Protein backbone atom coordinates (compact mmCIF):
# COMPACT_ATOMS: atom_id res chain seq x y z
CA MET A 1 -2.60 7.38 1.20
CA LEU A 2 -3.89 5.41 4.26
CA ALA A 3 -1.76 2.43 3.64
CA SER A 4 1.46 4.81 3.93
CA TYR A 5 0.34 5.61 7.72
CA SER A 6 1.02 2.19 8.64
CA PHE A 7 4.56 2.30 7.84
CA MET A 8 5.14 5.02 9.77
CA ARG A 9 3.96 4.07 12.74
CA LYS A 10 7.10 3.19 14.88
CA PRO A 11 10.84 3.92 13.50
CA LYS A 12 13.26 1.18 12.54
CA ILE A 13 16.58 1.78 11.28
CA TYR A 14 15.54 3.92 8.48
CA PRO A 15 13.27 6.34 9.37
CA ARG A 16 9.85 6.45 7.70
CA LEU A 17 8.61 10.04 7.57
CA PRO A 18 11.58 11.03 5.29
CA ALA A 19 10.57 8.31 2.72
CA PHE A 20 6.58 9.13 3.00
CA ILE A 21 7.08 12.64 2.49
CA ALA A 22 9.85 12.00 -0.40
CA SER A 23 7.26 9.78 -2.18
CA ASN A 24 4.43 12.34 -2.22
CA GLY A 25 7.10 14.65 -3.69
CA ALA A 26 8.82 12.45 -6.29
CA GLY A 27 6.68 9.28 -6.02
CA ILE A 28 7.80 6.04 -5.97
CA ILE A 29 11.23 6.89 -6.70
CA GLY A 30 11.53 8.68 -3.23
CA LEU A 31 10.20 5.34 -1.65
CA ILE A 32 13.46 3.24 -3.01
CA PRO A 33 15.78 3.88 -0.66
CA TYR A 34 13.50 3.07 2.24
CA LEU A 35 12.80 -0.27 0.37
CA VAL A 36 16.32 -1.03 -0.08
CA LEU A 37 17.32 0.04 3.61
CA ARG A 38 13.88 -1.51 5.64
CA GLN A 39 13.80 -4.66 7.50
CA PRO A 40 11.53 -6.64 6.77
CA GLN A 41 8.47 -6.02 9.59
CA GLN A 42 6.46 -9.49 9.30
CA GLU A 43 4.32 -9.37 12.85
CA PHE A 44 2.26 -6.38 13.71
CA SER A 45 2.33 -5.62 17.53
CA GLY A 46 0.08 -3.08 19.29
CA ARG A 47 -3.28 -1.81 19.16
CA LYS A 48 -5.01 -0.35 15.83
CA ASP A 49 -5.44 3.17 16.11
CA MET A 50 -8.70 4.17 14.08
CA LEU A 51 -6.50 5.13 11.17
CA ILE A 52 -5.03 1.88 11.00
CA LYS A 53 -8.79 0.40 11.68
CA ILE A 54 -9.87 2.20 8.66
CA SER A 55 -7.44 1.27 6.05
CA ASP A 56 -7.75 -2.46 7.61
CA SER A 57 -11.42 -2.96 6.89
CA ARG A 58 -12.46 -4.73 4.04
CA TRP A 59 -15.35 -1.84 3.50
CA THR A 60 -12.04 0.36 2.22
CA GLY A 61 -10.89 -1.82 0.38
CA PHE A 62 -14.13 -2.31 -1.49
CA LEU A 63 -14.63 1.49 -1.82
CA ILE A 64 -11.50 1.57 -3.29
CA LEU A 65 -11.67 -1.09 -5.83
CA LEU A 66 -15.08 0.20 -7.23
CA THR A 67 -13.78 3.89 -7.23
CA THR A 68 -10.77 2.37 -9.53
CA ILE A 69 -13.15 0.06 -11.73
CA TRP A 70 -15.36 3.19 -11.92
CA LEU A 71 -12.34 5.85 -12.96
CA LEU A 72 -11.03 2.82 -15.46
CA ALA A 73 -14.28 2.54 -17.02
CA TRP A 74 -14.46 6.04 -17.68
CA ALA A 75 -11.16 6.28 -18.79
CA TRP A 76 -11.63 3.47 -20.83
CA LEU A 77 -14.92 5.63 -22.87
CA ASN A 78 -14.77 9.00 -22.47
CA GLY A 79 -10.46 9.36 -22.50
CA ASP A 80 -8.47 10.14 -25.59
CA TRP A 81 -5.90 7.74 -26.02
CA GLY A 82 -4.51 9.80 -28.91
CA ASP A 83 -4.06 12.71 -26.45
CA TYR A 84 -2.49 11.16 -24.26
CA VAL A 85 0.23 9.69 -25.96
CA ARG A 86 0.97 12.53 -27.83
CA GLN A 87 1.56 14.27 -24.23
CA TRP A 88 3.31 11.09 -23.03
CA GLN A 89 5.56 12.07 -25.77
CA SER A 90 6.13 15.93 -25.44
CA ILE A 91 5.30 16.36 -21.78
CA PRO A 92 8.24 14.90 -19.28
CA PHE A 93 5.64 15.11 -16.21
CA VAL A 94 3.10 12.37 -18.17
CA HIS A 95 5.89 10.60 -18.98
CA LEU A 96 7.30 10.54 -15.55
CA ILE A 97 4.03 9.61 -13.56
CA THR A 98 3.09 7.02 -16.31
CA TRP A 99 6.78 5.37 -15.21
CA ASP A 100 6.28 5.88 -11.62
CA CYS A 101 2.90 3.79 -11.89
CA CYS A 102 4.59 1.10 -13.61
CA LEU A 103 7.59 0.92 -11.14
CA MET A 104 5.08 0.78 -8.60
CA ALA A 105 3.69 -2.33 -10.23
CA VAL A 106 6.83 -3.75 -9.86
CA ILE A 107 7.90 -2.86 -6.38
CA PHE A 108 5.07 -3.85 -4.97
CA PRO A 109 5.66 -7.34 -4.43
CA SER A 110 8.18 -6.33 -2.31
CA LEU A 111 5.65 -4.79 0.34
CA LEU A 112 3.37 -7.86 -0.23
CA GLY A 113 5.07 -10.49 1.37
CA ASP A 114 5.49 -8.92 4.76
CA ASP A 115 1.62 -7.93 4.82
CA MET A 116 1.06 -11.30 4.16
CA ALA A 117 2.82 -12.96 7.13
CA ARG A 118 1.47 -10.10 9.47
CA ARG A 119 -1.83 -11.57 8.19
CA GLY A 120 -0.83 -15.43 8.64
CA LEU A 121 -0.78 -15.90 4.55
CA SER A 122 1.67 -18.40 3.25
CA ASP A 123 -0.14 -19.56 -0.09
CA ASP A 124 2.48 -18.50 -2.67
CA ARG A 125 -0.84 -18.60 -4.75
CA ILE A 126 -2.07 -15.81 -3.34
CA PHE A 127 1.36 -13.96 -3.63
CA TRP A 128 1.87 -14.40 -7.02
CA ALA A 129 -2.21 -13.86 -7.96
CA VAL A 130 -2.01 -10.21 -6.08
CA SER A 131 1.49 -9.69 -7.50
CA LEU A 132 0.99 -10.45 -11.26
CA VAL A 133 -2.21 -8.88 -11.71
CA PRO A 134 -1.39 -4.66 -11.85
CA LEU A 135 -3.53 -2.65 -10.07
CA LEU A 136 -7.02 -4.88 -9.70
CA GLY A 137 -4.69 -7.51 -8.18
CA PRO A 138 -3.72 -5.43 -4.82
CA LEU A 139 -7.07 -3.93 -4.95
CA VAL A 140 -8.96 -7.64 -4.74
CA TYR A 141 -6.32 -8.52 -1.80
CA LEU A 142 -7.71 -5.48 -0.18
CA CYS A 143 -11.06 -6.69 -0.06
CA LEU A 144 -10.04 -10.38 0.75
CA ARG A 145 -7.51 -10.32 3.54
CA PRO A 146 -7.75 -11.38 7.11
CA PRO A 147 -7.75 -8.15 9.23
CA LEU A 148 -4.53 -7.68 11.44
CA THR A 149 -4.80 -9.32 14.89
CA GLU A 150 -4.11 -6.72 17.77
CA SER A 151 -1.11 -8.15 20.03
CA ALA A 152 -2.99 -9.99 23.09
CA THR A 153 -0.15 -9.06 25.88
CA GLU A 154 -0.20 -5.25 24.69
CA ILE A 155 -3.63 -5.13 24.73
CA ALA A 156 -3.85 -6.73 28.24
CA THR A 157 -1.55 -4.77 29.91
CA PHE A 158 -2.74 -1.21 28.15
CA PRO A 159 -5.23 -0.41 30.38
CA ARG A 160 -3.41 -1.11 33.06
CA THR A 161 -0.30 0.83 32.47
CA ALA A 162 -2.73 3.78 30.99
CA ARG A 163 -4.00 4.70 34.51
CA ASN A 164 -0.28 4.62 36.05
């Protein structure tokens, strides 16, 4: 959810807020029009507000990774996989959410390239290692990626323009 905030910062050609709302209501299917129509944004400009600083923090990445590993372990040890298969076959919502997660893993690399460019990462091996390991690859990337750098020109002029 924190990562969703960063794509709402500055409106471009296609408004981001409707895509954000649609993705919360319809899952990844709601993001597909935005992903098709969006322009690549390989530079970060401006100041990092508190929410971006939190979502950009490696500590947040580690917290999300550890929580995910704990939930996966709990599900593996305590889950009833036979019941899940029955529900997947008979309850459309479970079927839809499962496919939504699979589709998210397939679509994720379309955003990863821009994030890597904003952080100065250009190694294709990192891209493919993160892209080809569903769920845990992106989470490890959140832990190890370098932080965004703020635009030096906007930082230098911000205090002066704020007083005017």
